[in-house]
Amino acid sequence: MILIVAIALAVVASFALWSYIQGVKDDLAEDTQLVEVLILTRDIEKGATGESVQNTSIATEQIPANFKPGNAITNRDQILGKVAVSNLAARQILVPGMFIDPALAATTFADYLDPNMVTVSLPMSDVNAAGGLLAPGDLVNIMIKVQEESAAADPAAGDNTDTGGGDTAEAATGTGTGSDGPDWDGPVVGTPVRYLYQAAEILAINGRIVPQAGEAVAATATGAGGGTFTFQVPPDVAQLLNSLESSQMIFSLIAQDYEIAALPPLTDEVVEILPGENDEILTFCGPTGPQGCEPDDDSVDGDAAGGLNLGFNDEETADDAADAESVETGVGG
């Protein structure tokens, strides 16, 4: 009796195992069922016509059914009269949306602008535009040279011809000697430079726009003669920028993770202590060297890292100077 029961259980177990194996085989057969799809055989450039691609760059291949897109194109004629909407890579399965009506693909420069934005274009020399190393998409700080109203109204004001006591024009600029000997106090700030705008993204240079996905990026943007830089800005910003002399502007290339912070204008005329003579500064990034410019470095104080105190932009005098200063460009104070 026990033997009969054991045999029966063995038969039941064998049937269950056979059923399981058959189910697995059926699933595998379903997954490995091959279907035909149309695949691009080479890279296709944006704007290529369906006619140029239909018979030379499309092949029929078989792939497992579960990998076939539900909307895969099955007839090559479906791309006739259309153009590639973007750069297409080889081995892609052909699906709707890769080729569209030419009227829909046509774009103008206005399509690159955000809502309620306008363009402003500024001609710049290489020297004032980061040495010609800028490319569309870069971020720059825009600085501008300013001139005090008194100096602009009276260009000869600095030509002091008084010879008494040795107070000559040279002495006034820190280069001469008076009756009491040399009176040079340090380098003089000739034409102060102030920050006009920060972190401005360049939309185009000489008509070349920010590269789109799949397009190559040029290493440099301008030639030996400089270039025309286009930005997208609000209308009031465009009005201001177009009212200023672009020849007095300077573009400074900044990192993508640059932290925007206000910098006060220069308030004194003479730099009494140069950074390299000040133990608290010494380098661009403070006394610790390049590591002082690293955002996480807490060993350098605020004046030494990021906003170097050269002795002429003290916060305590910035407000007074802003009230007293009238800038010829109209952006002072």
C-alpha atoms as a PDB file:
ATOM      1  CA  MET A   1       0.000   0.000   0.000  1.00  0.00           C
ATOM      2  CA  ILE A   2       2.779   2.395   0.929  1.00  0.00           C
ATOM      3  CA  LEU A   3       4.526   1.621  -2.336  1.00  0.00           C
ATOM      4  CA  ILE A   4       1.388   2.444  -4.332  1.00  0.00           C
ATOM      5  CA  VAL A   5       1.006   5.800  -2.559  1.00  0.00           C
ATOM      6  CA  ALA A   6       4.658   6.669  -3.199  1.00  0.00           C
ATOM      7  CA  ILE A   7       4.311   5.862  -6.890  1.00  0.00           C
ATOM      8  CA  ALA A   8       1.180   8.019  -7.134  1.00  0.00           C
ATOM      9  CA  LEU A   9       2.919  10.972  -5.481  1.00  0.00           C
ATOM     10  CA  ALA A  10       5.865  10.570  -7.820  1.00  0.00           C
ATOM     11  CA  VAL A  11       3.536  10.655 -10.816  1.00  0.00           C
ATOM     12  CA  VAL A  12       1.814  13.809  -9.538  1.00  0.00           C
ATOM     13  CA  ALA A  13       5.169  15.543  -8.880  1.00  0.00           C
ATOM     14  CA  SER A  14       6.447  14.611 -12.323  1.00  0.00           C
ATOM     15  CA  PHE A  15       3.326  16.023 -13.971  1.00  0.00           C
ATOM     16  CA  ALA A  16       3.636  19.268 -11.993  1.00  0.00           C
ATOM     17  CA  LEU A  17       7.279  19.622 -13.012  1.00  0.00           C
ATOM     18  CA  TRP A  18       6.429  18.917 -16.652  1.00  0.00           C
ATOM     19  CA  SER A  19       3.668  21.547 -16.583  1.00  0.00           C
ATOM     20  CA  TYR A  20       6.017  24.139 -15.107  1.00  0.00           C
ATOM     21  CA  ILE A  21       8.697  23.460 -17.712  1.00  0.00           C
ATOM     22  CA  GLN A  22       6.158  23.716 -20.515  1.00  0.00           C
ATOM     23  CA  GLY A  23       4.954  27.066 -19.155  1.00  0.00           C
ATOM     24  CA  VAL A  24       8.495  28.412 -19.070  1.00  0.00           C
ATOM     25  CA  LYS A  25       9.100  27.211 -22.613  1.00  0.00           C
ATOM     26  CA  ASP A  26       5.910  28.905 -23.807  1.00  0.00           C
ATOM     27  CA  ASP A  27       6.968  32.202 -22.142  1.00  0.00           C
ATOM     28  CA  LEU A  28      10.420  32.005 -23.711  1.00  0.00           C
ATOM     29  CA  ALA A  29       8.943  31.270 -27.087  1.00  0.00           C
ATOM     30  CA  GLU A  30       6.696  34.290 -26.796  1.00  0.00           C
ATOM     31  CA  ASP A  31       9.587  36.565 -25.744  1.00  0.00           C
ATOM     32  CA  THR A  32      11.836  35.357 -28.544  1.00  0.00           C
ATOM     33  CA  GLN A  33       9.226  35.699 -31.254  1.00  0.00           C
ATOM     34  CA  LEU A  34      10.847  37.799 -33.954  1.00  0.00           C
ATOM     35  CA  VAL A  35       9.137  40.667 -35.740  1.00  0.00           C
ATOM     36  CA  GLU A  36      10.302  43.039 -38.465  1.00  0.00           C
ATOM     37  CA  VAL A  37      11.138  46.697 -37.851  1.00  0.00           C
ATOM     38  CA  LEU A  38      12.745  49.479 -39.901  1.00  0.00           C
ATOM     39  CA  ILE A  39      16.144  50.617 -38.559  1.00  0.00           C
ATOM     40  CA  LEU A  40      18.404  53.513 -39.585  1.00  0.00           C
ATOM     41  CA  THR A  41      21.677  52.188 -41.001  1.00  0.00           C
ATOM     42  CA  ARG A  42      23.655  55.427 -40.602  1.00  0.00           C
ATOM     43  CA  ASP A  43      23.590  58.765 -38.777  1.00  0.00           C
ATOM     44  CA  ILE A  44      21.050  61.171 -40.268  1.00  0.00           C
ATOM     45  CA  GLU A  45      21.576  64.931 -40.117  1.00  0.00           C
ATOM     46  CA  LYS A  46      18.851  67.309 -39.032  1.00  0.00           C
ATOM     47  CA  GLY A  47      16.820  68.472 -42.027  1.00  0.00           C
ATOM     48  CA  ALA A  48      17.566  65.440 -44.213  1.00  0.00           C
ATOM     49  CA  THR A  49      14.598  64.634 -46.475  1.00  0.00           C
ATOM     50  CA  GLY A  50      12.677  61.378 -46.312  1.00  0.00           C
ATOM     51  CA  GLU A  51      13.400  60.836 -50.005  1.00  0.00           C
ATOM     52  CA  SER A  52      17.167  60.908 -49.379  1.00  0.00           C
ATOM     53  CA  VAL A  53      16.846  58.428 -46.534  1.00  0.00           C
ATOM     54  CA  GLN A  54      14.130  56.050 -47.713  1.00  0.00           C
ATOM     55  CA  ASN A  55      16.153  53.686 -49.910  1.00  0.00           C
ATOM     56  CA  THR A  56      19.724  54.339 -48.797  1.00  0.00           C
ATOM     57  CA  SER A  57      19.672  54.586 -45.011  1.00  0.00           C
ATOM     58  CA  ILE A  58      16.872  52.285 -43.843  1.00  0.00           C
ATOM     59  CA  ALA A  59      16.995  48.512 -43.487  1.00  0.00           C
ATOM     60  CA  THR A  60      14.564  45.847 -42.331  1.00  0.00           C
ATOM     61  CA  GLU A  61      15.669  43.785 -39.359  1.00  0.00           C
ATOM     62  CA  GLN A  62      14.113  41.259 -37.010  1.00  0.00           C
ATOM     63  CA  ILE A  63      14.030  41.827 -33.269  1.00  0.00           C
ATOM     64  CA  PRO A  64      12.232  40.166 -30.338  1.00  0.00           C
ATOM     65  CA  ALA A  65       8.590  41.193 -30.283  1.00  0.00           C
ATOM     66  CA  ASN A  66       8.785  42.664 -26.776  1.00  0.00           C
ATOM     67  CA  PHE A  67      11.412  45.185 -27.977  1.00  0.00           C
ATOM     68  CA  LYS A  68       9.310  46.555 -30.817  1.00  0.00           C
ATOM     69  CA  PRO A  69       7.805  50.007 -30.098  1.00  0.00           C
ATOM     70  CA  GLY A  70       4.058  50.032 -30.329  1.00  0.00           C
ATOM     71  CA  ASN A  71       4.140  52.927 -32.802  1.00  0.00           C
ATOM     72  CA  ALA A  72       7.016  51.672 -34.970  1.00  0.00           C
ATOM     73  CA  ILE A  73       6.820  52.712 -38.619  1.00  0.00           C
ATOM     74  CA  THR A  74       6.342  49.689 -40.870  1.00  0.00           C
ATOM     75  CA  ASN A  75       6.165  51.415 -44.268  1.00  0.00           C
ATOM     76  CA  ARG A  76       9.044  53.500 -45.606  1.00  0.00           C
ATOM     77  CA  ASP A  77       6.642  55.660 -47.592  1.00  0.00           C
ATOM     78  CA  GLN A  78       5.466  57.209 -44.318  1.00  0.00           C
ATOM     79  CA  ILE A  79       8.525  59.501 -44.238  1.00  0.00           C
ATOM     80  CA  LEU A  80       8.186  60.789 -47.800  1.00  0.00           C
ATOM     81  CA  GLY A  81       7.712  64.547 -48.001  1.00  0.00           C
ATOM     82  CA  LYS A  82       9.093  64.989 -44.494  1.00  0.00           C
ATOM     83  CA  VAL A  83      12.436  66.020 -42.976  1.00  0.00           C
ATOM     84  CA  ALA A  84      14.467  64.818 -39.993  1.00  0.00           C
ATOM     85  CA  VAL A  85      13.499  66.872 -36.949  1.00  0.00           C
ATOM     86  CA  SER A  86      16.955  66.495 -35.351  1.00  0.00           C
ATOM     87  CA  ASN A  87      20.230  64.610 -35.725  1.00  0.00           C
ATOM     88  CA  LEU A  88      19.391  60.883 -35.663  1.00  0.00           C
ATOM     89  CA  ALA A  89      21.836  58.171 -34.642  1.00  0.00           C
ATOM     90  CA  ALA A  90      22.320  54.897 -36.525  1.00  0.00           C
ATOM     91  CA  ARG A  91      20.554  51.744 -35.240  1.00  0.00           C
ATOM     92  CA  GLN A  92      17.476  53.649 -34.095  1.00  0.00           C
ATOM     93  CA  ILE A  93      14.099  52.050 -34.816  1.00  0.00           C
ATOM     94  CA  LEU A  94      12.052  54.272 -37.096  1.00  0.00           C
ATOM     95  CA  VAL A  95       9.069  55.787 -35.263  1.00  0.00           C
ATOM     96  CA  PRO A  96       6.734  58.740 -35.918  1.00  0.00           C
ATOM     97  CA  GLY A  97       8.187  62.081 -34.839  1.00  0.00           C
ATOM     98  CA  MET A  98      11.637  61.465 -36.265  1.00  0.00           C
ATOM     99  CA  PHE A  99      10.493  62.967 -39.565  1.00  0.00           C
ATOM    100  CA  ILE A 100       7.992  65.821 -39.685  1.00  0.00           C
ATOM    101  CA  ASP A 101       6.445  68.222 -42.160  1.00  0.00           C
ATOM    102  CA  PRO A 102       9.016  70.809 -43.371  1.00  0.00           C
ATOM    103  CA  ALA A 103       6.677  73.657 -42.416  1.00  0.00           C
ATOM    104  CA  LEU A 104       6.739  72.484 -38.803  1.00  0.00           C
ATOM    105  CA  ALA A 105      10.520  72.060 -38.829  1.00  0.00           C
ATOM    106  CA  ALA A 106      11.201  75.613 -40.037  1.00  0.00           C
ATOM    107  CA  THR A 107      12.498  77.842 -37.233  1.00  0.00           C
ATOM    108  CA  THR A 108      13.610  81.441 -36.912  1.00  0.00           C
ATOM    109  CA  PHE A 109      15.899  83.068 -34.385  1.00  0.00           C
ATOM    110  CA  ALA A 110      12.806  84.221 -32.475  1.00  0.00           C
ATOM    111  CA  ASP A 111      12.108  80.586 -31.593  1.00  0.00           C
ATOM    112  CA  TYR A 112      15.170  80.636 -29.322  1.00  0.00           C
ATOM    113  CA  LEU A 113      13.820  83.478 -27.193  1.00  0.00           C
ATOM    114  CA  ASP A 114      11.925  82.976 -23.965  1.00  0.00           C
ATOM    115  CA  PRO A 115       8.516  84.670 -23.572  1.00  0.00           C
ATOM    116  CA  ASN A 116       8.608  88.472 -23.180  1.00  0.00           C
ATOM    117  CA  MET A 117      12.340  88.637 -23.907  1.00  0.00           C
ATOM    118  CA  VAL A 118      14.167  90.677 -26.550  1.00  0.00           C
ATOM    119  CA  THR A 119      17.682  90.649 -27.946  1.00  0.00           C
ATOM    120  CA  VAL A 120      20.515  93.103 -27.539  1.00  0.00           C
ATOM    121  CA  SER A 121      23.762  92.848 -29.514  1.00  0.00           C
ATOM    122  CA  LEU A 122      27.042  94.376 -28.402  1.00  0.00           C
ATOM    123  CA  PRO A 123      30.179  94.647 -30.569  1.00  0.00           C
ATOM    124  CA  MET A 124      33.259  93.753 -28.537  1.00  0.00           C
ATOM    125  CA  SER A 125      36.980  93.427 -29.132  1.00  0.00           C
ATOM    126  CA  ASP A 126      38.797  90.233 -28.186  1.00  0.00           C
ATOM    127  CA  VAL A 127      40.681  92.053 -25.438  1.00  0.00           C
ATOM    128  CA  ASN A 128      37.450  93.109 -23.728  1.00  0.00           C
ATOM    129  CA  ALA A 129      35.730  89.750 -24.353  1.00  0.00           C
ATOM    130  CA  ALA A 130      37.862  87.293 -22.372  1.00  0.00           C
ATOM    131  CA  GLY A 131      40.580  87.248 -25.007  1.00  0.00           C
ATOM    132  CA  GLY A 132      38.308  85.721 -27.656  1.00  0.00           C
ATOM    133  CA  LEU A 133      37.697  82.540 -25.652  1.00  0.00           C
ATOM    134  CA  LEU A 134      33.928  82.958 -25.333  1.00  0.00           C
ATOM    135  CA  ALA A 135      31.368  80.700 -26.998  1.00  0.00           C
ATOM    136  CA  PRO A 136      27.549  80.779 -27.225  1.00  0.00           C
ATOM    137  CA  GLY A 137      26.087  79.526 -23.963  1.00  0.00           C
ATOM    138  CA  ASP A 138      28.908  80.889 -21.775  1.00  0.00           C
ATOM    139  CA  LEU A 139      28.102  83.060 -18.761  1.00  0.00           C
ATOM    140  CA  VAL A 140      29.850  86.405 -18.361  1.00  0.00           C
ATOM    141  CA  ASN A 141      29.926  89.284 -15.926  1.00  0.00           C
ATOM    142  CA  ILE A 142      29.505  92.618 -17.718  1.00  0.00           C
ATOM    143  CA  MET A 143      31.638  95.408 -16.296  1.00  0.00           C
ATOM    144  CA  ILE A 144      31.763  98.992 -17.485  1.00  0.00           C
ATOM    145  CA  LYS A 145      34.327 101.771 -17.227  1.00  0.00           C
ATOM    146  CA  VAL A 146      32.874 104.898 -15.655  1.00  0.00           C
ATOM    147  CA  GLN A 147      34.071 108.487 -15.498  1.00  0.00           C
ATOM    148  CA  GLU A 148      33.318 111.096 -12.884  1.00  0.00           C
ATOM    149  CA  GLU A 149      31.202 113.989 -14.092  1.00  0.00           C
ATOM    150  CA  SER A 150      33.804 116.581 -13.087  1.00  0.00           C
ATOM    151  CA  ALA A 151      36.501 114.904 -15.160  1.00  0.00           C
ATOM    152  CA  ALA A 152      34.183 114.556 -18.138  1.00  0.00           C
ATOM    153  CA  ALA A 153      33.118 118.212 -17.986  1.00  0.00           C
ATOM    154  CA  ASP A 154      36.661 119.545 -17.651  1.00  0.00           C
ATOM    155  CA  PRO A 155      39.169 117.301 -19.445  1.00  0.00           C
ATOM    156  CA  ALA A 156      41.964 119.750 -18.620  1.00  0.00           C
ATOM    157  CA  ALA A 157      41.233 119.657 -14.910  1.00  0.00           C
ATOM    158  CA  GLY A 158      44.121 117.298 -14.340  1.00  0.00           C
ATOM    159  CA  ASP A 159      46.595 119.564 -16.136  1.00  0.00           C
ATOM    160  CA  ASN A 160      47.797 121.448 -13.094  1.00  0.00           C
ATOM    161  CA  THR A 161      50.402 123.930 -14.302  1.00  0.00           C
ATOM    162  CA  ASP A 162      51.061 125.408 -10.863  1.00  0.00           C
ATOM    163  CA  THR A 163      54.805 125.078 -10.231  1.00  0.00           C
ATOM    164  CA  GLY A 164      54.759 126.407  -6.718  1.00  0.00           C
ATOM    165  CA  GLY A 165      55.778 123.990  -3.993  1.00  0.00           C
ATOM    166  CA  GLY A 166      56.282 121.189  -6.489  1.00  0.00           C
ATOM    167  CA  ASP A 167      52.555 120.414  -6.682  1.00  0.00           C
ATOM    168  CA  THR A 168      52.706 119.507 -10.371  1.00  0.00           C
ATOM    169  CA  ALA A 169      50.382 117.369 -12.443  1.00  0.00           C
ATOM    170  CA  GLU A 170      52.853 114.540 -12.006  1.00  0.00           C
ATOM    171  CA  ALA A 171      52.593 114.802  -8.256  1.00  0.00           C
ATOM    172  CA  ALA A 172      48.806 114.730  -8.474  1.00  0.00           C
ATOM    173  CA  THR A 173      48.956 111.426 -10.320  1.00  0.00           C
ATOM    174  CA  GLY A 174      51.481 109.948  -7.932  1.00  0.00           C
ATOM    175  CA  THR A 175      54.426 110.067 -10.327  1.00  0.00           C
ATOM    176  CA  GLY A 176      56.225 113.297  -9.476  1.00  0.00           C
ATOM    177  CA  THR A 177      58.268 114.740  -6.608  1.00  0.00           C
ATOM    178  CA  GLY A 178      57.341 117.734  -4.483  1.00  0.00           C
ATOM    179  CA  SER A 179      59.564 120.067  -2.468  1.00  0.00           C
ATOM    180  CA  ASP A 180      59.571 117.555   0.357  1.00  0.00           C
ATOM    181  CA  GLY A 181      60.757 114.683  -1.830  1.00  0.00           C
ATOM    182  CA  PRO A 182      58.884 111.831  -3.542  1.00  0.00           C
ATOM    183  CA  ASP A 183      55.145 111.870  -2.831  1.00  0.00           C
ATOM    184  CA  TRP A 184      54.209 108.635  -4.690  1.00  0.00           C
ATOM    185  CA  ASP A 185      51.533 106.857  -2.643  1.00  0.00           C
ATOM    186  CA  GLY A 186      50.831 103.915  -4.948  1.00  0.00           C
ATOM    187  CA  PRO A 187      49.172 103.118  -8.268  1.00  0.00           C
ATOM    188  CA  VAL A 188      46.281 105.379  -9.144  1.00  0.00           C
ATOM    189  CA  VAL A 189      42.898 104.018 -10.250  1.00  0.00           C
ATOM    190  CA  GLY A 190      42.627 105.768 -13.602  1.00  0.00           C
ATOM    191  CA  THR A 191      39.181 104.781 -14.900  1.00  0.00           C
ATOM    192  CA  PRO A 192      37.091 102.916 -12.305  1.00  0.00           C
ATOM    193  CA  VAL A 193      35.280  99.799 -13.457  1.00  0.00           C
ATOM    194  CA  ARG A 194      31.905  98.820 -12.014  1.00  0.00           C
ATOM    195  CA  TYR A 195      29.723  95.740 -12.350  1.00  0.00           C
ATOM    196  CA  LEU A 196      26.835  96.417 -14.717  1.00  0.00           C
ATOM    197  CA  TYR A 197      25.278  92.932 -14.790  1.00  0.00           C
ATOM    198  CA  GLN A 198      26.378  89.502 -13.602  1.00  0.00           C
ATOM    199  CA  ALA A 199      25.959  85.976 -14.972  1.00  0.00           C
ATOM    200  CA  ALA A 200      24.658  87.032 -18.394  1.00  0.00           C
ATOM    201  CA  GLU A 201      24.254  84.095 -20.795  1.00  0.00           C
ATOM    202  CA  ILE A 202      25.513  84.625 -24.334  1.00  0.00           C
ATOM    203  CA  LEU A 203      22.798  83.611 -26.790  1.00  0.00           C
ATOM    204  CA  ALA A 204      24.856  83.993 -29.963  1.00  0.00           C
ATOM    205  CA  ILE A 205      28.189  85.272 -31.255  1.00  0.00           C
ATOM    206  CA  ASN A 206      28.486  86.558 -34.815  1.00  0.00           C
ATOM    207  CA  GLY A 207      25.118  84.935 -35.583  1.00  0.00           C
ATOM    208  CA  ARG A 208      26.084  81.522 -34.244  1.00  0.00           C
ATOM    209  CA  ILE A 209      23.584  80.380 -31.644  1.00  0.00           C
ATOM    210  CA  VAL A 210      23.944  78.159 -28.578  1.00  0.00           C
ATOM    211  CA  PRO A 211      24.591  74.605 -29.881  1.00  0.00           C
ATOM    212  CA  GLN A 212      21.649  72.249 -29.716  1.00  0.00           C
ATOM    213  CA  ALA A 213      21.844  68.600 -28.673  1.00  0.00           C
ATOM    214  CA  GLY A 214      24.140  66.679 -30.995  1.00  0.00           C
ATOM    215  CA  GLU A 215      25.808  69.774 -32.451  1.00  0.00           C
ATOM    216  CA  ALA A 216      29.512  70.437 -32.060  1.00  0.00           C
ATOM    217  CA  VAL A 217      30.744  73.241 -29.793  1.00  0.00           C
ATOM    218  CA  ALA A 218      33.471  75.531 -31.110  1.00  0.00           C
ATOM    219  CA  ALA A 219      36.458  76.005 -28.799  1.00  0.00           C
ATOM    220  CA  THR A 220      36.617  79.737 -29.482  1.00  0.00           C
ATOM    221  CA  ALA A 221      34.028  82.124 -30.797  1.00  0.00           C
ATOM    222  CA  THR A 222      35.605  85.297 -32.139  1.00  0.00           C
ATOM    223  CA  GLY A 223      38.262  86.028 -34.668  1.00  0.00           C
ATOM    224  CA  ALA A 224      41.156  88.436 -34.468  1.00  0.00           C
ATOM    225  CA  GLY A 225      38.837  91.398 -34.949  1.00  0.00           C
ATOM    226  CA  GLY A 226      36.436  90.586 -32.134  1.00  0.00           C
ATOM    227  CA  GLY A 227      32.759  89.814 -32.543  1.00  0.00           C
ATOM    228  CA  THR A 228      29.139  90.755 -31.978  1.00  0.00           C
ATOM    229  CA  PHE A 229      27.634  89.240 -28.833  1.00  0.00           C
ATOM    230  CA  THR A 230      23.867  88.750 -28.581  1.00  0.00           C
ATOM    231  CA  PHE A 231      21.971  88.309 -25.305  1.00  0.00           C
ATOM    232  CA  GLN A 232      18.276  87.793 -24.573  1.00  0.00           C
ATOM    233  CA  VAL A 233      17.127  90.264 -21.947  1.00  0.00           C
ATOM    234  CA  PRO A 234      13.982  92.013 -20.661  1.00  0.00           C
ATOM    235  CA  PRO A 235      13.042  95.142 -22.652  1.00  0.00           C
ATOM    236  CA  ASP A 236      14.194  97.593 -19.963  1.00  0.00           C
ATOM    237  CA  VAL A 237      17.623  95.953 -19.795  1.00  0.00           C
ATOM    238  CA  ALA A 238      17.925  96.200 -23.578  1.00  0.00           C
ATOM    239  CA  GLN A 239      17.105  99.904 -23.347  1.00  0.00           C
ATOM    240  CA  LEU A 240      19.878 100.476 -20.809  1.00  0.00           C
ATOM    241  CA  LEU A 241      22.508  98.404 -22.605  1.00  0.00           C
ATOM    242  CA  ASN A 242      21.795 100.123 -25.910  1.00  0.00           C
ATOM    243  CA  SER A 243      22.175 103.513 -24.186  1.00  0.00           C
ATOM    244  CA  LEU A 244      25.723 102.751 -23.054  1.00  0.00           C
ATOM    245  CA  GLU A 245      28.976 102.665 -24.985  1.00  0.00           C
ATOM    246  CA  SER A 246      29.866  99.029 -25.618  1.00  0.00           C
ATOM    247  CA  SER A 247      33.489 100.098 -26.118  1.00  0.00           C
ATOM    248  CA  GLN A 248      33.562 100.871 -22.386  1.00  0.00           C
ATOM    249  CA  MET A 249      32.315  97.389 -21.436  1.00  0.00           C
ATOM    250  CA  ILE A 250      34.344  94.363 -20.408  1.00  0.00           C
ATOM    251  CA  PHE A 251      33.151  90.749 -20.423  1.00  0.00           C
ATOM    252  CA  SER A 252      34.577  88.411 -17.791  1.00  0.00           C
ATOM    253  CA  LEU A 253      34.015  84.660 -18.277  1.00  0.00           C
ATOM    254  CA  ILE A 254      32.658  82.947 -15.150  1.00  0.00           C
ATOM    255  CA  ALA A 255      32.169  79.337 -14.064  1.00  0.00           C
ATOM    256  CA  GLN A 256      28.767  77.671 -14.340  1.00  0.00           C
ATOM    257  CA  ASP A 257      28.621  77.414 -10.535  1.00  0.00           C
ATOM    258  CA  TYR A 258      29.663  81.033  -9.982  1.00  0.00           C
ATOM    259  CA  GLU A 259      27.904  82.497  -6.945  1.00  0.00           C
ATOM    260  CA  ILE A 260      26.334  85.874  -7.702  1.00  0.00           C
ATOM    261  CA  ALA A 261      27.104  88.571  -5.128  1.00  0.00           C
ATOM    262  CA  ALA A 262      27.074  92.378  -5.226  1.00  0.00           C
ATOM    263  CA  LEU A 263      30.451  94.107  -5.383  1.00  0.00           C
ATOM    264  CA  PRO A 264      30.689  97.735  -4.237  1.00  0.00           C
ATOM    265  CA  PRO A 265      32.263 100.343  -6.525  1.00  0.00           C
ATOM    266  CA  LEU A 266      35.838 101.509  -6.033  1.00  0.00           C
ATOM    267  CA  THR A 267      35.720 104.420  -3.612  1.00  0.00           C
ATOM    268  CA  ASP A 268      39.299 105.730  -3.265  1.00  0.00           C
ATOM    269  CA  GLU A 269      41.639 106.883  -5.984  1.00  0.00           C
ATOM    270  CA  VAL A 270      44.863 105.362  -4.687  1.00  0.00           C
ATOM    271  CA  VAL A 271      45.688 101.785  -3.743  1.00  0.00           C
ATOM    272  CA  GLU A 272      47.835 102.331  -0.678  1.00  0.00           C
ATOM    273  CA  ILE A 273      48.739  98.672  -0.142  1.00  0.00           C
ATOM    274  CA  LEU A 274      48.936  96.275  -3.066  1.00  0.00           C
ATOM    275  CA  PRO A 275      47.456  92.785  -2.627  1.00  0.00           C
ATOM    276  CA  GLY A 276      50.863  91.146  -2.931  1.00  0.00           C
ATOM    277  CA  GLU A 277      52.097  93.314  -0.054  1.00  0.00           C
ATOM    278  CA  ASN A 278      49.196  92.444   2.231  1.00  0.00           C
ATOM    279  CA  ASP A 279      49.612  89.290   4.333  1.00  0.00           C
ATOM    280  CA  GLU A 280      45.831  88.844   4.389  1.00  0.00           C
ATOM    281  CA  ILE A 281      45.544  88.692   0.587  1.00  0.00           C
ATOM    282  CA  LEU A 282      48.768  87.889  -1.341  1.00  0.00           C
ATOM    283  CA  THR A 283      47.069  85.852  -4.152  1.00  0.00           C
ATOM    284  CA  PHE A 284      43.861  86.054  -6.184  1.00  0.00           C
ATOM    285  CA  CYS A 285      42.282  83.630  -3.720  1.00  0.00           C
ATOM    286  CA  GLY A 286      43.742  84.858  -0.437  1.00  0.00           C
ATOM    287  CA  PRO A 287      46.811  83.926   1.633  1.00  0.00           C
ATOM    288  CA  THR A 288      46.305  80.175   1.253  1.00  0.00           C
ATOM    289  CA  GLY A 289      46.634  80.263  -2.534  1.00  0.00           C
ATOM    290  CA  PRO A 290      44.319  78.695  -5.142  1.00  0.00           C
ATOM    291  CA  GLN A 291      42.557  76.520  -2.575  1.00  0.00           C
ATOM    292  CA  GLY A 292      41.223  79.706  -1.022  1.00  0.00           C
ATOM    293  CA  CYS A 293      38.808  80.031  -3.969  1.00  0.00           C
ATOM    294  CA  GLU A 294      37.221  76.666  -3.221  1.00  0.00           C
ATOM    295  CA  PRO A 295      33.638  77.203  -1.942  1.00  0.00           C
ATOM    296  CA  ASP A 296      34.012  74.815   1.023  1.00  0.00           C
ATOM    297  CA  ASP A 297      37.215  76.350   2.364  1.00  0.00           C
ATOM    298  CA  ASP A 298      36.372  78.068   5.670  1.00  0.00           C
ATOM    299  CA  SER A 299      39.972  78.965   6.467  1.00  0.00           C
ATOM    300  CA  VAL A 300      39.876  82.156   4.409  1.00  0.00           C
ATOM    301  CA  ASP A 301      37.835  85.164   5.468  1.00  0.00           C
ATOM    302  CA  GLY A 302      35.330  86.854   3.198  1.00  0.00           C
ATOM    303  CA  ASP A 303      37.605  89.723   2.242  1.00  0.00           C
ATOM    304  CA  ALA A 304      40.445  87.455   1.166  1.00  0.00           C
ATOM    305  CA  ALA A 305      38.424  84.963  -0.831  1.00  0.00           C
ATOM    306  CA  GLY A 306      35.987  86.046  -3.512  1.00  0.00           C
ATOM    307  CA  GLY A 307      35.926  89.739  -2.593  1.00  0.00           C
ATOM    308  CA  LEU A 308      39.498  90.871  -2.072  1.00  0.00           C
ATOM    309  CA  ASN A 309      39.884  94.057  -0.066  1.00  0.00           C
ATOM    310  CA  LEU A 310      42.405  96.149  -1.958  1.00  0.00           C
ATOM    311  CA  GLY A 311      42.027  99.123   0.335  1.00  0.00           C
ATOM    312  CA  PHE A 312      39.686 101.064  -1.923  1.00  0.00           C
ATOM    313  CA  ASN A 313      36.330  99.278  -1.842  1.00  0.00           C
ATOM    314  CA  ASP A 314      35.561  99.344   1.872  1.00  0.00           C
ATOM    315  CA  GLU A 315      31.890  98.826   2.633  1.00  0.00           C
ATOM    316  CA  GLU A 316      31.828 101.703   5.119  1.00  0.00           C
ATOM    317  CA  THR A 317      32.686 104.237   2.422  1.00  0.00           C
ATOM    318  CA  ALA A 318      30.798 102.643  -0.473  1.00  0.00           C
ATOM    319  CA  ASP A 319      27.464 104.240   0.386  1.00  0.00           C
ATOM    320  CA  ASP A 320      28.977 107.696   0.808  1.00  0.00           C
ATOM    321  CA  ALA A 321      30.820 107.368  -2.476  1.00  0.00           C
ATOM    322  CA  ALA A 322      27.702 106.183  -4.262  1.00  0.00           C
ATOM    323  CA  ASP A 323      25.795 109.227  -3.039  1.00  0.00           C
ATOM    324  CA  ALA A 324      28.539 111.629  -4.043  1.00  0.00           C
ATOM    325  CA  GLU A 325      29.523 110.061  -7.328  1.00  0.00           C
ATOM    326  CA  SER A 326      27.767 111.006 -10.549  1.00  0.00           C
ATOM    327  CA  VAL A 327      28.676 108.720 -13.423  1.00  0.00           C
ATOM    328  CA  GLU A 328      28.748 109.947 -16.977  1.00  0.00           C
ATOM    329  CA  THR A 329      27.183 106.720 -18.241  1.00  0.00           C
ATOM    330  CA  GLY A 330      24.085 107.222 -16.158  1.00  0.00           C
ATOM    331  CA  VAL A 331      24.514 103.989 -14.201  1.00  0.00           C
ATOM    332  CA  GLY A 332      26.256 105.467 -11.169  1.00  0.00           C
ATOM    333  CA  GLY A 333      25.139 105.249  -7.582  1.00  0.00           C
END
